[in-house]
Protein backbone atom coordinates (compact mmCIF):
# COMPACT_ATOMS: atom_id res chain seq x y z
CA UNK A 1 49.01 66.08 45.36
CA UNK A 2 46.08 65.74 47.37
CA UNK A 3 43.65 66.15 44.08
CA UNK A 4 45.81 63.03 42.85
CA UNK A 5 44.83 61.28 45.11
CA UNK A 6 41.08 62.22 44.97
CA UNK A 7 41.06 61.26 41.59
CA UNK A 8 42.62 57.87 41.83
CA UNK A 9 40.11 57.02 44.48
CA UNK A 10 37.08 58.00 42.41
CA UNK A 11 38.75 56.22 39.29
CA UNK A 12 39.22 52.77 41.30
CA UNK A 13 35.60 53.01 42.82
CA UNK A 14 34.36 53.37 38.94
CA UNK A 15 36.15 50.39 37.71
CA UNK A 16 35.13 48.57 41.03
CA UNK A 17 31.32 49.29 40.21
CA UNK A 18 31.83 48.44 36.48
CA UNK A 19 33.36 44.99 37.23
CA UNK A 20 30.91 44.34 39.78
CA UNK A 21 27.84 45.04 37.00
CA UNK A 22 29.98 43.02 34.58
CA UNK A 23 29.96 39.81 37.40
CA UNK A 24 26.46 40.32 37.58
CA UNK A 25 25.50 39.87 34.15
CA UNK A 26 27.73 37.01 33.85
CA UNK A 27 26.15 35.26 37.17
CA UNK A 28 22.86 36.26 35.40
CA UNK A 29 23.57 34.80 31.54
CA UNK A 30 25.19 31.65 33.31
CA UNK A 31 21.39 31.15 35.43
CA UNK A 32 20.14 31.73 31.53
CA UNK A 33 21.96 28.99 29.71
CA UNK A 34 22.14 26.76 32.55
CA UNK A 35 17.72 27.26 32.50
CA UNK A 36 18.21 26.49 28.57
CA UNK A 37 20.35 23.16 29.22
CA UNK A 38 23.02 25.16 27.38
CA UNK A 39 25.88 24.47 30.32
CA UNK A 40 25.64 22.60 33.51
CA UNK A 41 25.28 19.09 32.26
CA UNK A 42 26.04 19.35 28.45
CA UNK A 43 24.08 16.44 27.59
CA UNK A 44 20.82 17.34 29.31
CA UNK A 45 18.52 18.60 26.57
CA UNK A 46 15.49 20.68 26.78
CA UNK A 47 12.89 18.26 25.15
CA UNK A 48 8.98 18.34 24.50
CA UNK A 49 6.87 16.06 25.92
CA UNK A 50 3.35 14.13 25.12
CA UNK A 51 0.63 11.78 25.94
CA UNK A 52 0.47 8.23 23.60
CA UNK A 53 -3.19 8.30 23.42
CA UNK A 54 -5.94 6.81 21.39
CA UNK A 55 -7.79 9.20 18.45
CA UNK A 56 -9.78 8.37 15.38
CA UNK A 57 -6.95 9.42 12.36
CA UNK A 58 -8.59 10.17 8.51
CA UNK A 59 -5.69 9.91 6.18
CA UNK A 60 -5.68 12.33 3.75
CA UNK A 61 -3.88 14.13 0.22
CA UNK A 62 -4.47 17.42 -0.77
CA UNK A 63 -4.88 18.90 -4.58
CA UNK A 64 -5.57 22.26 -6.12
CA UNK A 65 -7.64 22.48 -9.21
CA UNK A 66 -10.64 24.07 -10.87
CA UNK A 67 -14.08 23.46 -11.57
CA UNK A 68 -15.59 22.39 -14.57
CA UNK A 69 -18.95 20.75 -15.43
CA UNK A 70 -19.37 16.91 -14.59
CA UNK A 71 -21.05 16.71 -18.75
CA UNK A 72 -19.67 19.24 -21.39
CA UNK A 73 -19.81 18.32 -24.96
CA UNK A 74 -18.15 19.91 -27.89
CA UNK A 75 -20.53 20.55 -30.91
CA UNK A 76 -18.22 19.46 -34.14
CA UNK A 77 -19.30 20.07 -37.72
CA UNK A 78 -19.08 16.23 -39.94
CA UNK A 79 -19.78 18.34 -42.91
CA UNK A 80 -18.49 21.04 -44.66
CA UNK A 81 -20.36 24.05 -45.52
CA UNK A 82 -21.79 27.41 -44.64
CA UNK A 83 -23.22 28.29 -41.41
CA UNK A 84 -27.08 29.19 -42.20
CA UNK A 85 -28.58 29.28 -39.10
CA UNK A 86 -27.31 29.90 -35.80
CA UNK A 87 -30.54 30.53 -33.74
CA UNK A 88 -28.58 30.85 -30.33
CA UNK A 89 -26.03 32.67 -28.73
CA UNK A 90 -23.49 32.18 -25.89
CA UNK A 91 -24.68 31.77 -22.52
CA UNK A 92 -28.23 30.78 -23.98
CA UNK A 93 -30.19 27.64 -22.35
CA UNK A 94 -30.94 25.01 -25.22
CA UNK A 95 -33.43 21.53 -24.10
CA UNK A 96 -31.76 18.27 -25.91
CA UNK A 97 -33.57 18.26 -29.39
CA UNK A 98 -33.30 21.49 -30.24
CA UNK A 99 -31.90 22.56 -33.43
CA UNK A 100 -28.20 24.49 -32.55
CA UNK A 101 -26.62 25.29 -36.46
CA UNK A 102 -27.47 24.62 -40.20
CA UNK A 103 -25.06 24.14 -42.63
CA UNK A 104 -25.65 25.29 -46.35
CA UNK A 105 -27.94 21.30 -47.78
CA UNK A 106 -27.90 22.23 -51.33
CA UNK A 107 -24.96 20.59 -52.32
CA UNK A 108 -25.75 17.74 -50.27
CA UNK A 109 -29.15 17.42 -51.30
CA UNK A 110 -27.88 17.65 -54.79
CA UNK A 111 -25.70 14.42 -54.46
CA UNK A 112 -28.68 12.68 -52.67
CA UNK A 113 -30.87 13.00 -55.88
CA UNK A 114 -27.59 11.69 -57.82
CA UNK A 115 -26.46 8.84 -55.76
CA UNK A 116 -30.77 7.58 -55.30
CA UNK A 117 -30.89 7.93 -59.20
CA UNK A 118 -27.70 5.15 -59.61
CA UNK A 119 -29.30 3.33 -57.01
CA UNK A 120 -32.95 3.07 -59.00
CA UNK A 121 -30.61 2.53 -61.98
CA UNK A 122 -28.82 -0.65 -60.42
CA UNK A 123 -32.36 -1.86 -59.20
CA UNK A 124 -33.34 -1.94 -62.82
CA UNK A 125 -30.06 -3.37 -64.02
CA UNK A 126 -30.32 -6.08 -61.22
CA UNK A 127 -33.95 -7.46 -62.54
CA UNK A 128 -32.45 -7.38 -66.29
CA UNK A 129 -29.68 -9.48 -64.79
CA UNK A 130 -32.15 -12.46 -63.03
CA UNK A 131 -34.31 -11.97 -66.33
CA UNK A 132 -31.17 -12.70 -68.67
CA UNK A 133 -30.40 -15.56 -66.02
CA UNK A 134 -33.60 -17.50 -66.30
CA UNK A 135 -33.36 -17.34 -69.58
CA UNK A 136 -29.58 -18.89 -70.24
CA UNK A 137 -30.95 -21.36 -67.78
CA UNK A 138 -33.52 -22.31 -70.05
CA UNK A 139 -31.57 -22.89 -72.94
CA UNK A 140 -28.63 -24.55 -70.84
CA UNK A 141 -31.37 -26.85 -69.57
CA UNK A 142 -32.02 -27.89 -73.41
CA UNK A 143 -29.44 -27.76 -74.98
CA UNK A 144 -27.93 -30.01 -71.91
CA UNK A 145 -30.80 -32.74 -72.29
CA UNK A 146 -29.84 -32.76 -76.41
CA UNK A 147 -26.07 -33.16 -75.16
CA UNK A 148 -26.24 -36.33 -73.21
CA UNK A 149 -29.05 -37.91 -75.65
CA UNK A 150 -26.35 -37.19 -78.16
CA UNK A 151 -24.03 -39.52 -76.63
CA UNK A 152 -25.96 -42.56 -75.92
CA UNK A 153 -26.59 -42.44 -79.81
CA UNK A 154 -22.65 -41.91 -80.33
CA UNK A 155 -22.08 -44.81 -78.36
CA UNK A 156 -24.14 -46.65 -80.31
CA UNK A 157 -22.45 -45.21 -83.62
CA UNK A 158 -26.25 -44.08 -84.58
CA UNK A 159 -25.62 -40.66 -84.98
CA UNK A 160 -22.67 -38.70 -87.76
CA UNK A 161 -19.34 -37.58 -85.95
CA UNK A 162 -20.63 -33.95 -87.71
CA UNK A 163 -23.85 -34.00 -85.86
CA UNK A 164 -22.93 -34.64 -82.84
CA UNK A 165 -20.17 -31.85 -82.30
CA UNK A 166 -23.16 -29.60 -83.73
CA UNK A 167 -25.03 -30.74 -80.26
CA UNK A 168 -21.75 -30.41 -78.57
CA UNK A 169 -20.79 -27.00 -79.72
CA UNK A 170 -23.98 -26.20 -78.96
CA UNK A 171 -24.16 -27.15 -75.21
CA UNK A 172 -21.18 -25.52 -74.56
CA UNK A 173 -21.58 -22.38 -75.35
CA UNK A 174 -25.82 -22.66 -73.39
CA UNK A 175 -23.11 -23.39 -70.80
CA UNK A 176 -21.42 -20.48 -70.91
CA UNK A 177 -23.28 -18.23 -71.63
CA UNK A 178 -25.69 -19.53 -68.40
CA UNK A 179 -22.18 -18.86 -65.99
CA UNK A 180 -21.71 -15.63 -67.85
CA UNK A 181 -25.40 -14.79 -66.24
CA UNK A 182 -24.81 -15.76 -63.23
CA UNK A 183 -22.18 -13.71 -62.73
CA UNK A 184 -24.16 -11.03 -64.30
CA UNK A 185 -26.38 -11.46 -61.32
CA UNK A 186 -23.68 -11.36 -59.15
CA UNK A 187 -22.46 -7.93 -60.60
CA UNK A 188 -25.69 -6.49 -60.47
CA UNK A 189 -26.18 -7.61 -57.20
CA UNK A 190 -23.24 -5.37 -56.00
CA UNK A 191 -23.63 -2.61 -58.20
CA UNK A 192 -26.98 -2.46 -55.91
CA UNK A 193 -25.21 -2.74 -52.76
CA UNK A 194 -22.69 -0.22 -53.64
CA UNK A 195 -25.08 2.56 -55.04
CA UNK A 196 -27.24 1.75 -51.65
CA UNK A 197 -24.01 2.52 -49.42
CA UNK A 198 -23.47 6.00 -51.73
CA UNK A 199 -27.11 6.84 -51.27
CA UNK A 200 -27.43 6.03 -47.69
CA UNK A 201 -24.15 8.23 -46.67
CA UNK A 202 -25.00 10.99 -48.89
CA UNK A 203 -28.61 11.60 -46.94
CA UNK A 204 -26.82 11.24 -43.48
CA UNK A 205 -24.20 13.96 -45.23
CA UNK A 206 -27.43 15.97 -45.93
CA UNK A 207 -28.98 14.97 -42.57
CA UNK A 208 -25.99 16.31 -40.63
CA UNK A 209 -26.12 19.80 -42.18
CA UNK A 210 -28.41 19.88 -39.36
CA UNK A 211 -26.84 19.71 -35.63
CA UNK A 212 -29.54 19.59 -32.54
CA UNK A 213 -28.63 19.69 -28.91
CA UNK A 214 -27.78 15.90 -27.52
CA UNK A 215 -28.59 17.45 -23.69
CA UNK A 216 -30.21 19.92 -21.71
CA UNK A 217 -27.44 22.47 -21.47
CA UNK A 218 -25.86 25.73 -21.36
CA UNK A 219 -23.83 27.19 -24.59
CA UNK A 220 -20.65 27.57 -22.41
CA UNK A 221 -18.87 28.82 -25.95
CA UNK A 222 -19.54 29.66 -29.61
CA UNK A 223 -16.77 29.75 -31.73
CA UNK A 224 -18.52 30.51 -35.07
CA UNK A 225 -20.61 33.43 -36.26
CA UNK A 226 -24.04 33.32 -39.30
CA UNK A 227 -22.01 32.78 -42.40
CA UNK A 228 -19.11 31.65 -41.68
CA UNK A 229 -17.62 28.33 -42.99
CA UNK A 230 -17.12 25.41 -40.84
CA UNK A 231 -15.12 22.20 -42.02
CA UNK A 232 -15.98 18.59 -41.64
CA UNK A 233 -14.52 15.31 -42.46
CA UNK A 234 -15.40 11.65 -41.95
CA UNK A 235 -11.27 11.43 -40.65
CA UNK A 236 -10.93 13.95 -38.20
CA UNK A 237 -13.24 16.28 -35.38
CA UNK A 238 -13.62 18.95 -37.93
CA UNK A 239 -14.46 22.64 -36.67
CA UNK A 240 -15.63 22.95 -33.13
CA UNK A 241 -18.39 25.85 -33.52
CA UNK A 242 -19.98 25.16 -29.36
CA UNK A 243 -19.43 23.49 -26.20
CA UNK A 244 -22.89 23.02 -24.07
CA UNK A 245 -22.71 21.95 -20.66
CA UNK A 246 -24.88 21.01 -17.96
CA UNK A 247 -24.09 23.20 -14.78
CA UNK A 248 -25.93 21.79 -12.56
CA UNK A 249 -23.59 19.22 -11.44
CA UNK A 250 -19.96 20.31 -11.44
CA UNK A 251 -16.87 18.02 -10.75
CA UNK A 252 -13.48 19.34 -9.69
CA UNK A 253 -10.60 18.23 -11.65
CA UNK A 254 -6.95 17.36 -10.09
CA UNK A 255 -3.59 16.73 -10.63
CA UNK A 256 -2.14 14.69 -7.96
CA UNK A 257 1.51 13.12 -7.82
CA UNK A 258 2.15 9.46 -9.01
CA UNK A 259 3.29 8.89 -5.05
CA UNK A 260 -0.28 9.89 -3.36
CA UNK A 261 -2.16 8.50 -6.88
CA UNK A 262 -2.02 4.88 -5.68
CA UNK A 263 -4.05 6.01 -2.44
CA UNK A 264 -6.44 7.26 -3.91
CA UNK A 265 -10.12 5.27 -5.02
CA UNK A 266 -13.17 5.60 -6.33
CA UNK A 267 -15.15 6.90 -3.89
CA UNK A 268 -13.06 8.35 -1.86
CA UNK A 269 -14.80 11.08 0.24
CA UNK A 270 -13.97 14.53 -0.11
CA UNK A 271 -13.94 18.48 1.38
CA UNK A 272 -13.67 21.14 -1.25
CA UNK A 273 -12.83 24.19 -0.56
CA UNK A 274 -13.56 27.29 -3.46
CA UNK A 275 -12.03 30.48 -3.55
CA UNK A 276 -14.74 32.19 -4.28
CA UNK A 277 -16.79 31.02 -1.14
CA UNK A 278 -13.88 31.48 1.40
CA UNK A 279 -16.11 30.92 4.38
CA UNK A 280 -17.80 27.24 2.78
CA UNK A 281 -16.53 23.44 2.74
CA UNK A 282 -18.43 21.37 0.61
CA UNK A 283 -18.22 17.96 0.25
CA UNK A 284 -17.16 15.76 -2.53
CA UNK A 285 -16.69 12.27 -3.83
CA UNK A 286 -14.46 10.33 -5.69
CA UNK A 287 -15.55 9.62 -9.76
CA UNK A 288 -12.96 8.85 -11.57
CA UNK A 289 -9.05 8.31 -11.44
CA UNK A 290 -6.69 8.29 -15.19
CA UNK A 291 -5.41 5.40 -15.96
CA UNK A 292 -2.06 7.48 -17.71
CA UNK A 293 0.25 10.22 -16.40
CA UNK A 294 0.40 13.52 -17.37
CA UNK A 295 3.71 14.32 -18.03
CA UNK A 296 4.33 18.20 -17.14
CA UNK A 297 8.08 19.91 -16.99
CA UNK A 298 9.00 21.75 -13.09
CA UNK A 299 11.70 23.54 -12.84
CA UNK A 300 14.38 21.29 -12.55
CA UNK A 301 12.98 17.80 -13.53
CA UNK A 302 9.72 16.13 -14.91
CA UNK A 303 6.93 15.68 -12.80
CA UNK A 304 3.71 13.24 -13.10
CA UNK A 305 0.98 13.29 -12.43
CA UNK A 306 -2.06 12.07 -12.41
CA UNK A 307 -5.52 13.46 -13.09
CA UNK A 308 -8.95 13.02 -10.99
CA UNK A 309 -12.01 13.81 -10.85
CA UNK A 310 -14.57 15.14 -7.83
CA UNK A 311 -18.24 15.51 -8.24
CA UNK A 312 -19.14 18.28 -6.04
CA UNK A 313 -22.46 16.59 -3.61
CA UNK A 314 -25.68 19.16 -3.86
CA UNK A 315 -26.72 19.04 0.00
CA UNK A 316 -23.22 20.77 1.03
CA UNK A 317 -24.34 23.73 -1.24
CA UNK A 318 -27.78 23.64 -2.01
CA UNK A 319 -27.96 26.72 0.71
CA UNK A 320 -26.31 28.93 -1.57
CA UNK A 321 -28.48 27.93 -5.17
CA UNK A 322 -30.60 31.43 -6.00
CA UNK A 323 -33.98 31.14 -5.32
CA UNK A 324 -36.03 30.76 -9.23
CA UNK A 325 -32.49 30.22 -10.84
CA UNK A 326 -32.41 28.15 -13.83
CA UNK A 327 -28.70 26.68 -13.08
CA UNK A 328 -29.00 24.38 -9.36
CA UNK A 329 -25.24 25.19 -8.84
CA UNK A 330 -23.10 28.40 -7.53
CA UNK A 331 -20.61 27.37 -9.02
CA UNK A 332 -19.08 28.34 -12.82
CA UNK A 333 -16.56 26.65 -14.64
CA UNK A 334 -12.74 27.53 -13.86
CA UNK A 335 -12.88 28.27 -10.15
CA UNK A 336 -9.63 27.83 -8.07
CA UNK A 337 -10.64 24.94 -5.60
CA UNK A 338 -8.20 22.75 -2.85
CA UNK A 339 -9.07 19.87 -2.13
CA UNK A 340 -8.31 16.98 0.75
CA UNK A 341 -9.20 13.36 0.11
CA UNK A 342 -9.87 10.80 2.52
CA UNK A 343 -8.23 7.91 1.38
CA UNK A 344 -8.31 5.61 4.65
CA UNK A 345 -9.75 6.06 8.42
CA UNK A 346 -8.79 4.58 12.07
CA UNK A 347 -11.18 4.84 15.15
CA UNK A 348 -10.05 4.86 18.11
CA UNK A 349 -5.90 3.67 17.92
CA UNK A 350 -2.84 4.36 19.50
CA UNK A 351 -1.47 7.67 18.11
CA UNK A 352 1.51 10.53 19.18
CA UNK A 353 2.27 13.79 17.31
CA UNK A 354 3.70 13.46 13.85
CA UNK A 355 6.70 15.13 14.58
CA UNK A 356 7.97 12.52 17.26
CA UNK A 357 8.52 9.78 14.79
CA UNK A 358 12.07 9.82 12.77
CA UNK A 359 14.11 7.42 11.76
CA UNK A 360 17.32 5.76 12.95
CA UNK A 361 20.44 3.46 11.50
CA UNK A 362 19.89 0.23 14.27
CA UNK A 363 22.18 -3.01 13.97
CA UNK A 364 20.45 -7.01 14.50
CA UNK A 365 20.87 -6.20 17.87
CA UNK A 366 18.72 -2.97 17.85
CA UNK A 367 21.44 -0.99 18.77
CA UNK A 368 22.09 2.57 16.63
CA UNK A 369 24.39 1.68 13.72
CA UNK A 370 27.78 3.05 14.44
CA UNK A 371 30.12 4.10 11.47
CA UNK A 372 33.78 3.07 11.16
CA UNK A 373 36.41 5.20 9.67
CA UNK A 374 38.30 2.36 7.90
CA UNK A 375 35.05 1.71 6.33
CA UNK A 376 33.03 4.75 5.26
CA UNK A 377 31.66 3.65 2.45
CA UNK A 378 30.29 0.22 3.42
CA UNK A 379 29.00 2.13 6.75
CA UNK A 380 26.90 4.41 4.59
CA UNK A 381 25.78 1.72 2.37
CA UNK A 382 24.64 -0.66 5.18
CA UNK A 383 23.18 2.15 7.16
CA UNK A 384 21.07 3.14 4.53
CA UNK A 385 19.29 -0.09 4.34
CA UNK A 386 18.95 -0.39 8.51
CA UNK A 387 16.65 2.75 8.32
CA UNK A 388 14.23 2.05 11.14
CA UNK A 389 11.15 4.23 12.51
CA UNK A 390 11.72 5.22 15.69
CA UNK A 391 10.80 7.34 18.64
CA UNK A 392 12.34 8.76 21.96
CA UNK A 393 10.63 7.40 25.19
CA UNK A 394 10.79 10.18 28.69
CA UNK A 395 11.90 7.78 31.52
CA UNK A 396 13.26 9.37 34.37
CA UNK A 397 15.45 12.55 32.79
CA UNK A 398 16.35 10.14 29.71
CA UNK A 399 15.40 9.98 25.93
CA UNK A 400 14.52 5.68 25.57
CA UNK A 401 14.85 4.97 21.89
CA UNK A 402 12.58 3.04 20.78
CA UNK A 403 11.92 1.32 17.33
CA UNK A 404 8.07 1.58 16.33
CA UNK A 405 5.67 0.27 13.33
CA UNK A 406 3.74 3.20 12.01
CA UNK A 407 -0.17 3.20 10.56
CA UNK A 408 -1.67 5.74 8.91
CA UNK A 409 -1.28 9.49 9.57
CA UNK A 410 -2.84 13.07 9.29
CA UNK A 411 -1.93 17.02 9.93
CA UNK A 412 -0.71 16.34 13.13
CA UNK A 413 -0.88 12.95 14.36
CA UNK A 414 0.34 9.53 13.26
CA UNK A 415 -1.20 5.79 13.98
CA UNK A 416 1.71 3.82 16.06
CA UNK A 417 0.45 -0.07 15.31
CA UNK A 418 3.27 -1.79 17.24
CA UNK A 419 5.92 -0.57 20.32
CA UNK A 420 3.93 1.72 21.98
CA UNK A 421 0.86 1.65 24.74
CA UNK A 422 -1.22 3.76 25.92
CA UNK A 423 0.08 6.65 28.39
CA UNK A 424 3.63 6.54 27.14
CA UNK A 425 5.34 9.64 27.64
CA UNK A 426 7.40 9.62 24.28
CA UNK A 427 9.15 12.74 23.45
CA UNK A 428 7.99 15.00 20.69
CA UNK A 429 9.91 17.95 20.31
CA UNK A 430 11.67 20.20 18.71
CA UNK A 431 11.56 18.13 16.16
CA UNK A 432 15.57 19.41 14.85
CA UNK A 433 16.21 17.93 18.66
CA UNK A 434 14.27 14.79 17.68
CA UNK A 435 15.24 14.28 14.33
CA UNK A 436 19.15 14.72 14.16
CA UNK A 437 20.12 15.21 17.80
CA UNK A 438 19.00 12.94 20.24
CA UNK A 439 20.62 9.92 21.46
CA UNK A 440 19.87 6.66 23.24
CA UNK A 441 19.95 7.26 26.94
CA UNK A 442 20.32 10.88 26.52
CA UNK A 443 20.31 13.23 29.43
CA UNK A 444 16.89 15.36 28.87
CA UNK A 445 15.05 18.54 30.24
CA UNK A 446 11.09 18.64 30.09
CA UNK A 447 9.43 21.67 29.06
CA UNK A 448 6.39 22.94 28.69
CA UNK A 449 4.53 23.19 25.41
CA UNK A 450 1.98 23.96 23.48
CA UNK A 451 -1.07 22.02 23.39
CA UNK A 452 -1.60 21.71 19.09
CA UNK A 453 1.61 19.88 18.04
CA UNK A 454 3.47 20.94 15.41
CA UNK A 455 2.69 19.99 11.51
CA UNK A 456 4.71 18.59 9.21
CA UNK A 457 5.55 21.78 7.26
CA UNK A 458 6.36 23.15 10.07
CA UNK A 459 9.49 21.17 10.30
CA UNK A 460 12.76 22.56 11.09
CA UNK A 461 15.27 21.94 8.28
């Protein structure tokens, strides 16, 4: 019996110890929850704050792409035939005016000789036609004079009808021959023009059998070899034999989506990062913007983009050029790039962390829009039309909603053009609280936040 009492006492003490440990743990948990704002004042939320300050903001858009030579030319065949000369190979440097390709000219030389003979013949034909015209003209004028005299004699009845009819017939015949001779000259002139055109075209075709470099550059691609046949026509582009590029100047070719392209203008400055030069940043300038879009198929829908070109400025990469190098650039076509294009810049303007700005549906009195169950559809439509940019001021432990007007933004900050003044303390985070939870006049508790604001892409969904 004594043993049972001792066992009962031990068990009771053990249970009491567990109870006290549990109570202590509960107290600690309640303290933590109270400090974090989960319990206590159920409407009080932990928030981060920041001051409205003046900063310089550069608005930018980011796009990726590839490096391409600023000047790259396709060398195509304008005539068909066999390649009989190909003095350069891929990678060779060529100068403007040097022979690149010669196509077998025999057929085109024979054609030129044939059309030259035809042209000379047409010139001789024109001279004959002119001589015939002079002769016909003289006969016509003589017959005309005689005919006019016989008309006067006929009126005076000084000549017989038979004699008059003979003179009249000769006159009409001479006139017809004269008109025919005039037409003959016109036909001969047409033949000269036509044969001259054929001769000129044959000469051009013969000249096109020799292709010369239009620029100084490097042969970046060679598609044909000596002895191969190429095709060339006047109606369409012929065989692309090679490509020549001036590698001394490179451009970044980028695809920019339709929402961003309206903010880009020729002359905008840019910063270029090239994957092959990870520790370098290069300067550039927008030189070309496409007027028409390039539609691409995405995973779920069509994506509309526009091509732009950014010229890399030599001063930013000349320290990478090897001494005595013939190519005055360290880059190669096809290298991957990431480009920041600076579309706007504002100096010394009021700004706040970008994640401090959110939207709320406000009624005409500036109060937050409230839905009514009986008019749910109308409420949703009205709410969507009344979306306004707002921030929440931190005032005496309260979140005070304030409509604002915004300007440009960079990765971290956004310009405030109306609604705030320098030194105002605003609630800057967490983003999920600012964007979805906070209400006007809600109790909040300020907590310490990191110095660097959160980037927009780090927003919590």
